[in-house]
């Protein structure tokens, strides 16, 4: 016999910019190490410099984009909650049974 499924835990919100900044910093350190190696870095491995540069660029983009993304999600959630309240208010006025969703 199976146990009933437990409810999902609450989502823990955190500041996503911290891991983004740490990852970007790690790419920067890797870039500094590769550049410091200079001519000691084999020709066949120099493409790693560009990997680091792209990692830094994507990290900076993400760091700047995350606040906008969170703001848009919060606004969408607020609009959805307002629509649900409006719908519930209309249903109460009409005398229709309330449907929780």
C-alpha atoms as a PDB file:
ATOM      1  CA  UNK A   1       0.000   0.000   0.000  1.00  0.00           C
ATOM      2  CA  UNK A   2       1.341   3.424  -0.939  1.00  0.00           C
ATOM      3  CA  UNK A   3       1.536   6.337   1.437  1.00  0.00           C
ATOM      4  CA  UNK A   4      -0.349   9.465   0.393  1.00  0.00           C
ATOM      5  CA  UNK A   5       1.840  12.043  -1.286  1.00  0.00           C
ATOM      6  CA  UNK A   6       3.041  14.830   0.957  1.00  0.00           C
ATOM      7  CA  UNK A   7       2.551  18.403  -0.211  1.00  0.00           C
ATOM      8  CA  UNK A   8       5.417  20.102  -2.022  1.00  0.00           C
ATOM      9  CA  UNK A   9       7.648  22.218   0.204  1.00  0.00           C
ATOM     10  CA  UNK A  10       7.490  25.973  -0.066  1.00  0.00           C
ATOM     11  CA  UNK A  11       9.852  27.517  -2.600  1.00  0.00           C
ATOM     12  CA  UNK A  12      12.803  29.186  -0.931  1.00  0.00           C
ATOM     13  CA  UNK A  13      13.589  32.435  -2.673  1.00  0.00           C
ATOM     14  CA  UNK A  14      17.167  33.609  -2.573  1.00  0.00           C
ATOM     15  CA  UNK A  15      19.302  36.224  -4.217  1.00  0.00           C
ATOM     16  CA  UNK A  16      20.244  34.574  -7.505  1.00  0.00           C
ATOM     17  CA  UNK A  17      22.817  37.263  -8.169  1.00  0.00           C
ATOM     18  CA  UNK A  18      25.237  35.795  -5.603  1.00  0.00           C
ATOM     19  CA  UNK A  19      25.894  32.496  -7.449  1.00  0.00           C
ATOM     20  CA  UNK A  20      25.905  34.399 -10.738  1.00  0.00           C
ATOM     21  CA  UNK A  21      28.573  36.774  -9.437  1.00  0.00           C
ATOM     22  CA  UNK A  22      30.611  33.873  -8.042  1.00  0.00           C
ATOM     23  CA  UNK A  23      30.464  32.004 -11.342  1.00  0.00           C
ATOM     24  CA  UNK A  24      31.466  35.131 -13.260  1.00  0.00           C
ATOM     25  CA  UNK A  25      34.349  35.695 -10.858  1.00  0.00           C
ATOM     26  CA  UNK A  26      35.485  32.091 -11.377  1.00  0.00           C
ATOM     27  CA  UNK A  27      35.550  32.620 -15.160  1.00  0.00           C
ATOM     28  CA  UNK A  28      37.522  35.821 -14.623  1.00  0.00           C
ATOM     29  CA  UNK A  29      40.090  34.014 -12.459  1.00  0.00           C
ATOM     30  CA  UNK A  30      40.393  31.290 -15.102  1.00  0.00           C
ATOM     31  CA  UNK A  31      40.934  33.953 -17.772  1.00  0.00           C
ATOM     32  CA  UNK A  32      43.643  35.651 -15.701  1.00  0.00           C
ATOM     33  CA  UNK A  33      45.418  32.314 -15.201  1.00  0.00           C
ATOM     34  CA  UNK A  34      45.291  31.495 -18.909  1.00  0.00           C
ATOM     35  CA  UNK A  35      46.531  34.948 -19.929  1.00  0.00           C
ATOM     36  CA  UNK A  36      49.292  34.748 -17.315  1.00  0.00           C
ATOM     37  CA  UNK A  37      50.446  31.483 -18.862  1.00  0.00           C
ATOM     38  CA  UNK A  38      51.097  33.379 -22.077  1.00  0.00           C
ATOM     39  CA  UNK A  39      53.270  31.386 -24.466  1.00  0.00           C
ATOM     40  CA  UNK A  40      53.320  28.383 -22.132  1.00  0.00           C
ATOM     41  CA  UNK A  41      49.705  27.691 -23.097  1.00  0.00           C
ATOM     42  CA  UNK A  42      49.756  25.268 -26.049  1.00  0.00           C
ATOM     43  CA  UNK A  43      48.285  26.592 -29.288  1.00  0.00           C
ATOM     44  CA  UNK A  44      45.688  23.804 -29.263  1.00  0.00           C
ATOM     45  CA  UNK A  45      44.383  25.002 -25.864  1.00  0.00           C
ATOM     46  CA  UNK A  46      44.077  28.727 -26.556  1.00  0.00           C
ATOM     47  CA  UNK A  47      40.405  28.403 -27.327  1.00  0.00           C
ATOM     48  CA  UNK A  48      39.879  28.266 -23.549  1.00  0.00           C
ATOM     49  CA  UNK A  49      40.574  31.996 -23.423  1.00  0.00           C
ATOM     50  CA  UNK A  50      37.444  32.563 -25.519  1.00  0.00           C
ATOM     51  CA  UNK A  51      35.438  30.165 -23.366  1.00  0.00           C
ATOM     52  CA  UNK A  52      36.376  32.271 -20.331  1.00  0.00           C
ATOM     53  CA  UNK A  53      35.480  35.494 -22.149  1.00  0.00           C
ATOM     54  CA  UNK A  54      32.061  34.124 -23.121  1.00  0.00           C
ATOM     55  CA  UNK A  55      31.513  32.877 -19.555  1.00  0.00           C
ATOM     56  CA  UNK A  56      32.257  36.353 -18.221  1.00  0.00           C
ATOM     57  CA  UNK A  57      29.983  38.012 -20.796  1.00  0.00           C
ATOM     58  CA  UNK A  58      27.091  35.652 -20.032  1.00  0.00           C
ATOM     59  CA  UNK A  59      27.625  36.096 -16.297  1.00  0.00           C
ATOM     60  CA  UNK A  60      27.505  39.885 -16.557  1.00  0.00           C
ATOM     61  CA  UNK A  61      24.379  39.668 -18.730  1.00  0.00           C
ATOM     62  CA  UNK A  62      22.700  37.333 -16.230  1.00  0.00           C
ATOM     63  CA  UNK A  63      23.703  39.526 -13.280  1.00  0.00           C
ATOM     64  CA  UNK A  64      22.047  42.515 -14.936  1.00  0.00           C
ATOM     65  CA  UNK A  65      19.030  40.555 -16.220  1.00  0.00           C
ATOM     66  CA  UNK A  66      18.047  38.727 -13.018  1.00  0.00           C
ATOM     67  CA  UNK A  67      16.476  41.765 -11.257  1.00  0.00           C
ATOM     68  CA  UNK A  68      14.380  42.478 -14.355  1.00  0.00           C
ATOM     69  CA  UNK A  69      13.263  38.843 -14.562  1.00  0.00           C
ATOM     70  CA  UNK A  70      12.296  38.763 -10.896  1.00  0.00           C
ATOM     71  CA  UNK A  71      10.393  42.053 -11.226  1.00  0.00           C
ATOM     72  CA  UNK A  72       8.448  40.749 -14.241  1.00  0.00           C
ATOM     73  CA  UNK A  73       7.607  37.490 -12.436  1.00  0.00           C
ATOM     74  CA  UNK A  74       6.420  39.420  -9.371  1.00  0.00           C
ATOM     75  CA  UNK A  75       4.256  41.706 -11.553  1.00  0.00           C
ATOM     76  CA  UNK A  76       2.724  38.711 -13.358  1.00  0.00           C
ATOM     77  CA  UNK A  77       1.979  37.047 -10.029  1.00  0.00           C
ATOM     78  CA  UNK A  78       0.321  40.227  -8.748  1.00  0.00           C
ATOM     79  CA  UNK A  79      -1.788  40.518 -11.922  1.00  0.00           C
ATOM     80  CA  UNK A  80      -2.863  36.880 -11.553  1.00  0.00           C
ATOM     81  CA  UNK A  81      -3.806  37.406  -7.906  1.00  0.00           C
ATOM     82  CA  UNK A  82      -5.797  40.536  -8.827  1.00  0.00           C
ATOM     83  CA  UNK A  83      -7.660  38.601 -11.547  1.00  0.00           C
ATOM     84  CA  UNK A  84      -8.464  35.802  -9.086  1.00  0.00           C
ATOM     85  CA  UNK A  85      -9.766  38.330  -6.530  1.00  0.00           C
ATOM     86  CA  UNK A  86     -11.842  40.037  -9.221  1.00  0.00           C
ATOM     87  CA  UNK A  87     -13.287  36.706 -10.379  1.00  0.00           C
ATOM     88  CA  UNK A  88     -14.071  35.687  -6.796  1.00  0.00           C
ATOM     89  CA  UNK A  89     -15.795  39.031  -6.202  1.00  0.00           C
ATOM     90  CA  UNK A  90     -17.957  38.617  -9.289  1.00  0.00           C
ATOM     91  CA  UNK A  91     -18.899  35.073  -8.314  1.00  0.00           C
ATOM     92  CA  UNK A  92     -19.923  36.225  -4.836  1.00  0.00           C
ATOM     93  CA  UNK A  93     -22.050  39.005  -6.362  1.00  0.00           C
ATOM     94  CA  UNK A  94     -23.708  36.544  -8.746  1.00  0.00           C
ATOM     95  CA  UNK A  95     -24.374  34.133  -5.913  1.00  0.00           C
ATOM     96  CA  UNK A  96     -22.525  31.400  -7.718  1.00  0.00           C
ATOM     97  CA  UNK A  97     -20.623  28.891  -5.631  1.00  0.00           C
ATOM     98  CA  UNK A  98     -16.978  29.784  -5.236  1.00  0.00           C
ATOM     99  CA  UNK A  99     -14.474  27.619  -7.004  1.00  0.00           C
ATOM    100  CA  UNK A 100     -11.046  27.509  -5.373  1.00  0.00           C
ATOM    101  CA  UNK A 101      -8.141  26.937  -7.747  1.00  0.00           C
END
